[in-house]
């Protein structure tokens, strides 16, 4: 009996030691599982807060049996958040494209605005230049109007003087006609009187030419020795231009017809005449 008890005690002792070792091992694994469970709870709780999942509660993660349903809900919510994030990314991409297009349109608008401003500045400068030219033109118009009024007065005065001169000329013509008639009568009564010869160095200038009526006015007359029917050569420099025949003589002026057979060029004012 004593021999059987001793091995039994040894077996019991070994079993006790094994139980202690196994209990220690299980206790260590229990602590590891507890820490892992706590880490999982913390991670799930952090993830739920980041995902703003209000239906998640930390007390639901007490053991493996209660952990599955909240995690499944969290996974569904995470999937929904992921889909929303993808849509948000797509919207953001479209927004960026629209923003880039808006920026390009804005750049074009700014360029067009700059060109428009430059065009406006050029037009304003052109308007200012036109205003200056208009002011100058108005000043010139006013000056010309004043000169026109002065010239109009002078024209009126010259017209009046011309009318008086024409009247005086008509009176002189009547006087000359009467004198010529008297001279003719006296010549008939006394006979033909010899006229003195014309001076050989007689010369003058053409004052006026009327090619339409074929006559010219000279600046020499009877006081210079010129007589009616005298023929004068017309020179321009060293060139012979034509020939004239005197038809009427006054004291310091004469009228002569153009002899077309002798005409080399049209007569001009200032041409010289020689006897």
C-alpha atoms as a PDB file:
ATOM      1  CA  UNK A   1       0.000   0.000   0.000  1.00  0.00           C
ATOM      2  CA  UNK A   2       2.792   2.283   0.869  1.00  0.00           C
ATOM      3  CA  UNK A   3       4.510   1.449  -2.405  1.00  0.00           C
ATOM      4  CA  UNK A   4       1.407   2.397  -4.479  1.00  0.00           C
ATOM      5  CA  UNK A   5       0.899   5.658  -2.640  1.00  0.00           C
ATOM      6  CA  UNK A   6       4.282   6.980  -3.431  1.00  0.00           C
ATOM      7  CA  UNK A   7       3.937   6.768  -7.246  1.00  0.00           C
ATOM      8  CA  UNK A   8       0.425   8.241  -6.960  1.00  0.00           C
ATOM      9  CA  UNK A   9       1.759  11.202  -5.036  1.00  0.00           C
ATOM     10  CA  UNK A  10       4.418  11.712  -7.686  1.00  0.00           C
ATOM     11  CA  UNK A  11       1.792  11.621 -10.442  1.00  0.00           C
ATOM     12  CA  UNK A  12      -0.399  14.048  -8.535  1.00  0.00           C
ATOM     13  CA  UNK A  13       2.577  16.306  -8.022  1.00  0.00           C
ATOM     14  CA  UNK A  14       3.428  16.206 -11.714  1.00  0.00           C
ATOM     15  CA  UNK A  15      -0.187  16.887 -12.631  1.00  0.00           C
ATOM     16  CA  UNK A  16      -0.223  19.851 -10.265  1.00  0.00           C
ATOM     17  CA  UNK A  17       2.958  21.227 -11.781  1.00  0.00           C
ATOM     18  CA  UNK A  18       1.529  20.779 -15.305  1.00  0.00           C
ATOM     19  CA  UNK A  19      -1.681  22.468 -14.238  1.00  0.00           C
ATOM     20  CA  UNK A  20       0.266  25.394 -12.841  1.00  0.00           C
ATOM     21  CA  UNK A  21       2.368  25.682 -16.005  1.00  0.00           C
ATOM     22  CA  UNK A  22      -0.729  25.433 -18.226  1.00  0.00           C
ATOM     23  CA  UNK A  23      -2.551  27.995 -16.111  1.00  0.00           C
ATOM     24  CA  UNK A  24       0.391  30.360 -16.398  1.00  0.00           C
ATOM     25  CA  UNK A  25       0.477  29.912 -20.137  1.00  0.00           C
ATOM     26  CA  UNK A  26      -3.284  30.486 -20.460  1.00  0.00           C
ATOM     27  CA  UNK A  27      -3.050  33.561 -18.262  1.00  0.00           C
ATOM     28  CA  UNK A  28      -0.341  35.017 -20.531  1.00  0.00           C
ATOM     29  CA  UNK A  29      -2.402  34.345 -23.665  1.00  0.00           C
ATOM     30  CA  UNK A  30      -5.438  35.865 -21.931  1.00  0.00           C
ATOM     31  CA  UNK A  31      -3.485  39.051 -21.337  1.00  0.00           C
ATOM     32  CA  UNK A  32      -2.300  39.093 -24.958  1.00  0.00           C
ATOM     33  CA  UNK A  33      -5.847  38.575 -26.203  1.00  0.00           C
ATOM     34  CA  UNK A  34      -7.077  41.260 -23.858  1.00  0.00           C
ATOM     35  CA  UNK A  35      -4.489  43.701 -25.175  1.00  0.00           C
ATOM     36  CA  UNK A  36      -5.292  42.796 -28.778  1.00  0.00           C
ATOM     37  CA  UNK A  37      -8.996  43.205 -28.091  1.00  0.00           C
ATOM     38  CA  UNK A  38      -8.370  46.585 -26.475  1.00  0.00           C
ATOM     39  CA  UNK A  39      -6.170  47.633 -29.433  1.00  0.00           C
ATOM     40  CA  UNK A  40      -8.903  46.516 -31.822  1.00  0.00           C
ATOM     41  CA  UNK A  41     -11.475  48.485 -29.805  1.00  0.00           C
ATOM     42  CA  UNK A  42      -9.274  51.577 -29.876  1.00  0.00           C
ATOM     43  CA  UNK A  43      -8.621  51.222 -33.598  1.00  0.00           C
ATOM     44  CA  UNK A  44     -12.307  50.650 -34.378  1.00  0.00           C
ATOM     45  CA  UNK A  45     -13.314  53.581 -32.172  1.00  0.00           C
ATOM     46  CA  UNK A  46     -10.728  55.867 -33.882  1.00  0.00           C
ATOM     47  CA  UNK A  47     -11.829  54.696 -37.295  1.00  0.00           C
ATOM     48  CA  UNK A  48     -15.501  55.318 -36.410  1.00  0.00           C
ATOM     49  CA  UNK A  49     -14.691  58.854 -35.237  1.00  0.00           C
ATOM     50  CA  UNK A  50     -12.664  59.547 -38.374  1.00  0.00           C
ATOM     51  CA  UNK A  51     -15.497  58.240 -40.518  1.00  0.00           C
ATOM     52  CA  UNK A  52     -18.029  60.157 -38.396  1.00  0.00           C
ATOM     53  CA  UNK A  53     -20.027  57.011 -37.829  1.00  0.00           C
ATOM     54  CA  UNK A  54     -22.450  58.098 -35.104  1.00  0.00           C
ATOM     55  CA  UNK A  55     -24.117  54.655 -34.835  1.00  0.00           C
ATOM     56  CA  UNK A  56     -20.935  53.057 -33.492  1.00  0.00           C
ATOM     57  CA  UNK A  57     -20.513  52.468 -29.716  1.00  0.00           C
ATOM     58  CA  UNK A  58     -17.348  51.293 -28.018  1.00  0.00           C
ATOM     59  CA  UNK A  59     -19.234  49.156 -25.480  1.00  0.00           C
ATOM     60  CA  UNK A  60     -20.367  46.885 -28.344  1.00  0.00           C
ATOM     61  CA  UNK A  61     -16.779  45.597 -28.686  1.00  0.00           C
ATOM     62  CA  UNK A  62     -16.636  43.571 -25.509  1.00  0.00           C
ATOM     63  CA  UNK A  63     -16.021  40.136 -27.042  1.00  0.00           C
ATOM     64  CA  UNK A  64     -15.771  38.410 -30.381  1.00  0.00           C
ATOM     65  CA  UNK A  65     -19.477  37.667 -30.548  1.00  0.00           C
ATOM     66  CA  UNK A  66     -20.524  41.313 -30.139  1.00  0.00           C
ATOM     67  CA  UNK A  67     -17.606  42.640 -32.202  1.00  0.00           C
ATOM     68  CA  UNK A  68     -18.689  41.321 -35.599  1.00  0.00           C
ATOM     69  CA  UNK A  69     -21.919  43.291 -36.080  1.00  0.00           C
ATOM     70  CA  UNK A  70     -20.462  46.759 -35.231  1.00  0.00           C
ATOM     71  CA  UNK A  71     -17.444  46.044 -37.401  1.00  0.00           C
ATOM     72  CA  UNK A  72     -19.737  44.996 -40.255  1.00  0.00           C
ATOM     73  CA  UNK A  73     -21.698  48.234 -39.855  1.00  0.00           C
ATOM     74  CA  UNK A  74     -18.434  50.146 -39.714  1.00  0.00           C
ATOM     75  CA  UNK A  75     -17.280  48.409 -42.894  1.00  0.00           C
ATOM     76  CA  UNK A  76     -20.529  49.344 -44.679  1.00  0.00           C
ATOM     77  CA  UNK A  77     -20.173  52.932 -43.502  1.00  0.00           C
ATOM     78  CA  UNK A  78     -16.534  52.947 -44.630  1.00  0.00           C
ATOM     79  CA  UNK A  79     -17.584  51.672 -48.070  1.00  0.00           C
ATOM     80  CA  UNK A  80     -20.193  54.431 -48.294  1.00  0.00           C
ATOM     81  CA  UNK A  81     -17.618  57.005 -47.229  1.00  0.00           C
ATOM     82  CA  UNK A  82     -15.236  55.625 -49.863  1.00  0.00           C
ATOM     83  CA  UNK A  83     -17.909  55.943 -52.580  1.00  0.00           C
ATOM     84  CA  UNK A  84     -18.677  59.484 -51.444  1.00  0.00           C
ATOM     85  CA  UNK A  85     -14.951  60.224 -51.465  1.00  0.00           C
ATOM     86  CA  UNK A  86     -14.658  58.919 -55.028  1.00  0.00           C
ATOM     87  CA  UNK A  87     -17.611  61.087 -56.088  1.00  0.00           C
ATOM     88  CA  UNK A  88     -16.042  64.011 -54.291  1.00  0.00           C
ATOM     89  CA  UNK A  89     -12.756  63.365 -56.118  1.00  0.00           C
ATOM     90  CA  UNK A  90     -14.641  63.236 -59.427  1.00  0.00           C
ATOM     91  CA  UNK A  91     -16.459  66.467 -58.558  1.00  0.00           C
ATOM     92  CA  UNK A  92     -13.143  67.997 -57.538  1.00  0.00           C
ATOM     93  CA  UNK A  93     -11.572  66.926 -60.840  1.00  0.00           C
ATOM     94  CA  UNK A  94     -14.496  68.449 -62.780  1.00  0.00           C
ATOM     95  CA  UNK A  95     -14.246  71.572 -60.647  1.00  0.00           C
ATOM     96  CA  UNK A  96     -10.533  71.805 -61.395  1.00  0.00           C
ATOM     97  CA  UNK A  97     -11.216  71.431 -65.113  1.00  0.00           C
ATOM     98  CA  UNK A  98     -13.926  74.078 -64.937  1.00  0.00           C
ATOM     99  CA  UNK A  99     -11.574  76.288 -62.907  1.00  0.00           C
ATOM    100  CA  UNK A 100      -8.826  75.826 -65.501  1.00  0.00           C
ATOM    101  CA  UNK A 101     -11.308  76.703 -68.251  1.00  0.00           C
ATOM    102  CA  UNK A 102     -12.492  79.716 -66.272  1.00  0.00           C
ATOM    103  CA  UNK A 103      -8.859  80.786 -65.772  1.00  0.00           C
ATOM    104  CA  UNK A 104      -8.221  80.450 -69.514  1.00  0.00           C
ATOM    105  CA  UNK A 105     -11.360  82.431 -70.311  1.00  0.00           C
ATOM    106  CA  UNK A 106     -10.327  84.997 -67.712  1.00  0.00           C
ATOM    107  CA  UNK A 107      -6.881  85.279 -69.306  1.00  0.00           C
ATOM    108  CA  UNK A 108      -8.492  85.752 -72.725  1.00  0.00           C
ATOM    109  CA  UNK A 109     -10.880  88.306 -71.274  1.00  0.00           C
ATOM    110  CA  UNK A 110      -7.982  90.175 -69.670  1.00  0.00           C
ATOM    111  CA  UNK A 111      -6.076  90.117 -72.956  1.00  0.00           C
ATOM    112  CA  UNK A 112      -9.150  91.414 -74.800  1.00  0.00           C
ATOM    113  CA  UNK A 113      -9.620  94.030 -72.089  1.00  0.00           C
ATOM    114  CA  UNK A 114      -5.992  95.102 -72.454  1.00  0.00           C
ATOM    115  CA  UNK A 115      -6.393  95.366 -76.236  1.00  0.00           C
ATOM    116  CA  UNK A 116      -9.633  97.280 -75.765  1.00  0.00           C
ATOM    117  CA  UNK A 117      -7.961  99.655 -73.311  1.00  0.00           C
ATOM    118  CA  UNK A 118      -5.075 100.199 -75.739  1.00  0.00           C
ATOM    119  CA  UNK A 119      -7.588 100.817 -78.533  1.00  0.00           C
ATOM    120  CA  UNK A 120      -9.512 103.240 -76.318  1.00  0.00           C
ATOM    121  CA  UNK A 121      -6.279 105.055 -75.428  1.00  0.00           C
ATOM    122  CA  UNK A 122      -5.386 105.293 -79.129  1.00  0.00           C
ATOM    123  CA  UNK A 123      -8.868 106.567 -79.974  1.00  0.00           C
ATOM    124  CA  UNK A 124      -8.701 109.120 -77.164  1.00  0.00           C
ATOM    125  CA  UNK A 125      -5.316 110.316 -78.462  1.00  0.00           C
ATOM    126  CA  UNK A 126      -6.781 110.483 -81.973  1.00  0.00           C
ATOM    127  CA  UNK A 127      -9.781 112.430 -80.655  1.00  0.00           C
ATOM    128  CA  UNK A 128      -7.480 114.864 -78.867  1.00  0.00           C
ATOM    129  CA  UNK A 129      -5.442 115.310 -82.052  1.00  0.00           C
ATOM    130  CA  UNK A 130      -8.644 115.844 -84.062  1.00  0.00           C
ATOM    131  CA  UNK A 131      -9.837 118.353 -81.450  1.00  0.00           C
ATOM    132  CA  UNK A 132      -6.571 120.274 -81.815  1.00  0.00           C
ATOM    133  CA  UNK A 133      -6.852 120.172 -85.607  1.00  0.00           C
ATOM    134  CA  UNK A 134     -10.507 121.238 -85.368  1.00  0.00           C
ATOM    135  CA  UNK A 135      -9.571 124.142 -83.114  1.00  0.00           C
ATOM    136  CA  UNK A 136      -6.831 125.163 -85.548  1.00  0.00           C
ATOM    137  CA  UNK A 137      -9.234 124.824 -88.482  1.00  0.00           C
ATOM    138  CA  UNK A 138     -11.813 126.958 -86.676  1.00  0.00           C
ATOM    139  CA  UNK A 139      -9.160 129.585 -85.990  1.00  0.00           C
ATOM    140  CA  UNK A 140      -8.163 129.513 -89.669  1.00  0.00           C
ATOM    141  CA  UNK A 141     -11.815 129.770 -90.695  1.00  0.00           C
ATOM    142  CA  UNK A 142     -12.280 132.784 -88.441  1.00  0.00           C
ATOM    143  CA  UNK A 143      -9.115 134.356 -89.898  1.00  0.00           C
ATOM    144  CA  UNK A 144     -10.297 133.618 -93.443  1.00  0.00           C
ATOM    145  CA  UNK A 145     -13.737 135.026 -92.658  1.00  0.00           C
ATOM    146  CA  UNK A 146     -12.134 138.229 -91.362  1.00  0.00           C
ATOM    147  CA  UNK A 147      -9.919 138.396 -94.448  1.00  0.00           C
ATOM    148  CA  UNK A 148     -12.958 137.698 -96.608  1.00  0.00           C
ATOM    149  CA  UNK A 149     -14.835 140.576 -95.017  1.00  0.00           C
ATOM    150  CA  UNK A 150     -11.825 142.850 -95.563  1.00  0.00           C
ATOM    151  CA  UNK A 151     -11.502 141.653 -99.165  1.00  0.00           C
ATOM    152  CA  UNK A 152     -15.215 142.090 -99.678  1.00  0.00           C
ATOM    153  CA  UNK A 153     -14.895 145.696 -98.566  1.00  0.00           C
ATOM    154  CA  UNK A 154     -11.911 146.146-100.861  1.00  0.00           C
ATOM    155  CA  UNK A 155     -13.801 144.499-103.733  1.00  0.00           C
ATOM    156  CA  UNK A 156     -16.734 146.788-103.154  1.00  0.00           C
ATOM    157  CA  UNK A 157     -14.383 149.786-103.090  1.00  0.00           C
ATOM    158  CA  UNK A 158     -12.590 148.580-106.250  1.00  0.00           C
ATOM    159  CA  UNK A 159     -15.931 147.926-107.925  1.00  0.00           C
ATOM    160  CA  UNK A 160     -17.027 151.444-107.102  1.00  0.00           C
ATOM    161  CA  UNK A 161     -13.704 152.826-108.344  1.00  0.00           C
ATOM    162  CA  UNK A 162     -13.936 150.686-111.490  1.00  0.00           C
ATOM    163  CA  UNK A 163     -17.441 151.936-112.153  1.00  0.00           C
ATOM    164  CA  UNK A 164     -16.207 155.496-111.684  1.00  0.00           C
ATOM    165  CA  UNK A 165     -13.217 154.796-113.929  1.00  0.00           C
ATOM    166  CA  UNK A 166     -15.479 153.280-116.601  1.00  0.00           C
ATOM    167  CA  UNK A 167     -17.708 156.292-116.385  1.00  0.00           C
ATOM    168  CA  UNK A 168     -14.664 158.548-116.649  1.00  0.00           C
ATOM    169  CA  UNK A 169     -13.384 156.424-119.556  1.00  0.00           C
ATOM    170  CA  UNK A 170     -16.702 156.776-121.342  1.00  0.00           C
ATOM    171  CA  UNK A 171     -16.540 160.519-120.803  1.00  0.00           C
ATOM    172  CA  UNK A 172     -12.930 160.537-122.024  1.00  0.00           C
ATOM    173  CA  UNK A 173     -13.934 158.503-125.069  1.00  0.00           C
ATOM    174  CA  UNK A 174     -16.683 160.986-125.810  1.00  0.00           C
ATOM    175  CA  UNK A 175     -14.162 163.802-125.397  1.00  0.00           C
ATOM    176  CA  UNK A 176     -11.622 162.012-127.583  1.00  0.00           C
ATOM    177  CA  UNK A 177     -14.246 161.334-130.204  1.00  0.00           C
ATOM    178  CA  UNK A 178     -15.215 164.989-130.180  1.00  0.00           C
ATOM    179  CA  UNK A 179     -11.557 166.033-130.394  1.00  0.00           C
ATOM    180  CA  UNK A 180     -10.864 163.568-133.171  1.00  0.00           C
ATOM    181  CA  UNK A 181     -13.874 164.906-135.015  1.00  0.00           C
ATOM    182  CA  UNK A 182     -12.596 168.434-134.504  1.00  0.00           C
ATOM    183  CA  UNK A 183      -9.099 167.372-135.646  1.00  0.00           C
ATOM    184  CA  UNK A 184     -10.567 165.725-138.706  1.00  0.00           C
ATOM    185  CA  UNK A 185     -12.525 168.831-139.526  1.00  0.00           C
ATOM    186  CA  UNK A 186      -9.423 170.960-139.000  1.00  0.00           C
ATOM    187  CA  UNK A 187      -7.363 168.568-141.111  1.00  0.00           C
ATOM    188  CA  UNK A 188      -9.899 168.807-143.883  1.00  0.00           C
ATOM    189  CA  UNK A 189      -9.795 172.555-143.577  1.00  0.00           C
ATOM    190  CA  UNK A 190      -6.017 172.896-143.328  1.00  0.00           C
ATOM    191  CA  UNK A 191      -4.929 169.887-145.296  1.00  0.00           C
ATOM    192  CA  UNK A 192      -2.783 166.900-144.150  1.00  0.00           C
ATOM    193  CA  UNK A 193      -0.108 167.983-141.664  1.00  0.00           C
ATOM    194  CA  UNK A 194       3.145 166.062-141.538  1.00  0.00           C
ATOM    195  CA  UNK A 195       3.620 164.112-138.312  1.00  0.00           C
ATOM    196  CA  UNK A 196       6.972 164.015-136.552  1.00  0.00           C
ATOM    197  CA  UNK A 197       8.860 160.716-136.900  1.00  0.00           C
ATOM    198  CA  UNK A 198       8.673 158.186-134.036  1.00  0.00           C
ATOM    199  CA  UNK A 199      11.825 157.877-131.903  1.00  0.00           C
ATOM    200  CA  UNK A 200      13.995 154.923-132.941  1.00  0.00           C
ATOM    201  CA  UNK A 201      14.720 153.930-129.313  1.00  0.00           C
ATOM    202  CA  UNK A 202      11.048 153.738-128.345  1.00  0.00           C
ATOM    203  CA  UNK A 203      10.387 150.757-126.077  1.00  0.00           C
ATOM    204  CA  UNK A 204       7.906 149.639-123.418  1.00  0.00           C
ATOM    205  CA  UNK A 205       6.169 146.686-121.787  1.00  0.00           C
ATOM    206  CA  UNK A 206       2.958 144.723-122.167  1.00  0.00           C
ATOM    207  CA  UNK A 207       0.628 145.516-119.261  1.00  0.00           C
ATOM    208  CA  UNK A 208      -2.303 143.310-120.201  1.00  0.00           C
ATOM    209  CA  UNK A 209      -3.132 140.706-122.854  1.00  0.00           C
ATOM    210  CA  UNK A 210      -6.579 139.559-123.972  1.00  0.00           C
ATOM    211  CA  UNK A 211      -6.074 136.635-126.366  1.00  0.00           C
ATOM    212  CA  UNK A 212      -9.829 136.186-126.765  1.00  0.00           C
ATOM    213  CA  UNK A 213     -10.239 139.683-128.256  1.00  0.00           C
ATOM    214  CA  UNK A 214      -6.738 139.695-129.740  1.00  0.00           C
ATOM    215  CA  UNK A 215      -5.433 142.927-128.211  1.00  0.00           C
ATOM    216  CA  UNK A 216      -2.861 144.098-125.656  1.00  0.00           C
ATOM    217  CA  UNK A 217      -2.375 147.203-123.503  1.00  0.00           C
ATOM    218  CA  UNK A 218       1.049 148.870-123.445  1.00  0.00           C
ATOM    219  CA  UNK A 219       2.669 151.192-120.896  1.00  0.00           C
ATOM    220  CA  UNK A 220       3.785 153.793-123.525  1.00  0.00           C
ATOM    221  CA  UNK A 221       1.705 156.489-125.190  1.00  0.00           C
ATOM    222  CA  UNK A 222       1.700 159.747-127.100  1.00  0.00           C
ATOM    223  CA  UNK A 223       4.023 161.441-124.576  1.00  0.00           C
ATOM    224  CA  UNK A 224       6.633 158.805-125.502  1.00  0.00           C
ATOM    225  CA  UNK A 225       6.202 159.522-129.243  1.00  0.00           C
ATOM    226  CA  UNK A 226       3.929 156.570-130.059  1.00  0.00           C
ATOM    227  CA  UNK A 227       1.404 157.039-132.894  1.00  0.00           C
ATOM    228  CA  UNK A 228      -1.602 155.098-134.172  1.00  0.00           C
ATOM    229  CA  UNK A 229      -0.825 152.406-136.818  1.00  0.00           C
ATOM    230  CA  UNK A 230       2.739 152.008-135.561  1.00  0.00           C
ATOM    231  CA  UNK A 231       3.969 148.425-135.596  1.00  0.00           C
ATOM    232  CA  UNK A 232       6.028 147.184-132.601  1.00  0.00           C
ATOM    233  CA  UNK A 233       8.057 144.005-132.161  1.00  0.00           C
ATOM    234  CA  UNK A 234       7.447 141.938-128.990  1.00  0.00           C
ATOM    235  CA  UNK A 235      10.441 140.224-127.336  1.00  0.00           C
ATOM    236  CA  UNK A 236      10.795 137.966-124.301  1.00  0.00           C
ATOM    237  CA  UNK A 237      14.444 138.106-123.414  1.00  0.00           C
ATOM    238  CA  UNK A 238      16.321 137.553-126.676  1.00  0.00           C
ATOM    239  CA  UNK A 239      13.419 135.695-128.323  1.00  0.00           C
ATOM    240  CA  UNK A 240      10.977 137.262-130.749  1.00  0.00           C
ATOM    241  CA  UNK A 241       7.444 136.524-129.576  1.00  0.00           C
ATOM    242  CA  UNK A 242       5.269 138.492-132.035  1.00  0.00           C
ATOM    243  CA  UNK A 243       4.256 141.832-133.501  1.00  0.00           C
ATOM    244  CA  UNK A 244       1.637 144.477-132.594  1.00  0.00           C
ATOM    245  CA  UNK A 245      -0.151 147.263-134.492  1.00  0.00           C
ATOM    246  CA  UNK A 246      -1.186 150.254-132.379  1.00  0.00           C
ATOM    247  CA  UNK A 247      -4.886 151.104-132.695  1.00  0.00           C
ATOM    248  CA  UNK A 248      -5.368 153.683-129.938  1.00  0.00           C
ATOM    249  CA  UNK A 249      -2.917 155.979-128.164  1.00  0.00           C
ATOM    250  CA  UNK A 250      -3.263 157.889-124.882  1.00  0.00           C
ATOM    251  CA  UNK A 251      -0.674 159.983-123.075  1.00  0.00           C
ATOM    252  CA  UNK A 252       0.957 157.103-121.164  1.00  0.00           C
ATOM    253  CA  UNK A 253      -0.938 154.073-122.504  1.00  0.00           C
ATOM    254  CA  UNK A 254      -1.784 152.490-125.826  1.00  0.00           C
ATOM    255  CA  UNK A 255      -3.931 149.694-127.239  1.00  0.00           C
ATOM    256  CA  UNK A 256      -2.562 147.444-129.973  1.00  0.00           C
ATOM    257  CA  UNK A 257      -3.877 144.484-131.974  1.00  0.00           C
ATOM    258  CA  UNK A 258      -1.926 141.230-132.181  1.00  0.00           C
ATOM    259  CA  UNK A 259      -0.642 140.415-135.673  1.00  0.00           C
ATOM    260  CA  UNK A 260      -1.238 136.673-135.765  1.00  0.00           C
ATOM    261  CA  UNK A 261       1.025 136.098-138.746  1.00  0.00           C
ATOM    262  CA  UNK A 262       3.989 137.198-136.633  1.00  0.00           C
ATOM    263  CA  UNK A 263       3.020 135.428-133.420  1.00  0.00           C
ATOM    264  CA  UNK A 264       5.597 132.831-132.262  1.00  0.00           C
ATOM    265  CA  UNK A 265       4.198 132.240-128.752  1.00  0.00           C
ATOM    266  CA  UNK A 266       1.262 133.593-126.733  1.00  0.00           C
ATOM    267  CA  UNK A 267       1.984 137.080-125.394  1.00  0.00           C
ATOM    268  CA  UNK A 268       2.382 137.541-121.647  1.00  0.00           C
ATOM    269  CA  UNK A 269       2.349 140.452-119.258  1.00  0.00           C
ATOM    270  CA  UNK A 270       5.878 141.848-118.919  1.00  0.00           C
ATOM    271  CA  UNK A 271       6.951 141.150-122.507  1.00  0.00           C
ATOM    272  CA  UNK A 272       9.048 143.986-123.997  1.00  0.00           C
ATOM    273  CA  UNK A 273       7.998 145.978-127.093  1.00  0.00           C
ATOM    274  CA  UNK A 274      10.372 147.805-129.461  1.00  0.00           C
ATOM    275  CA  UNK A 275       9.850 150.099-132.460  1.00  0.00           C
END
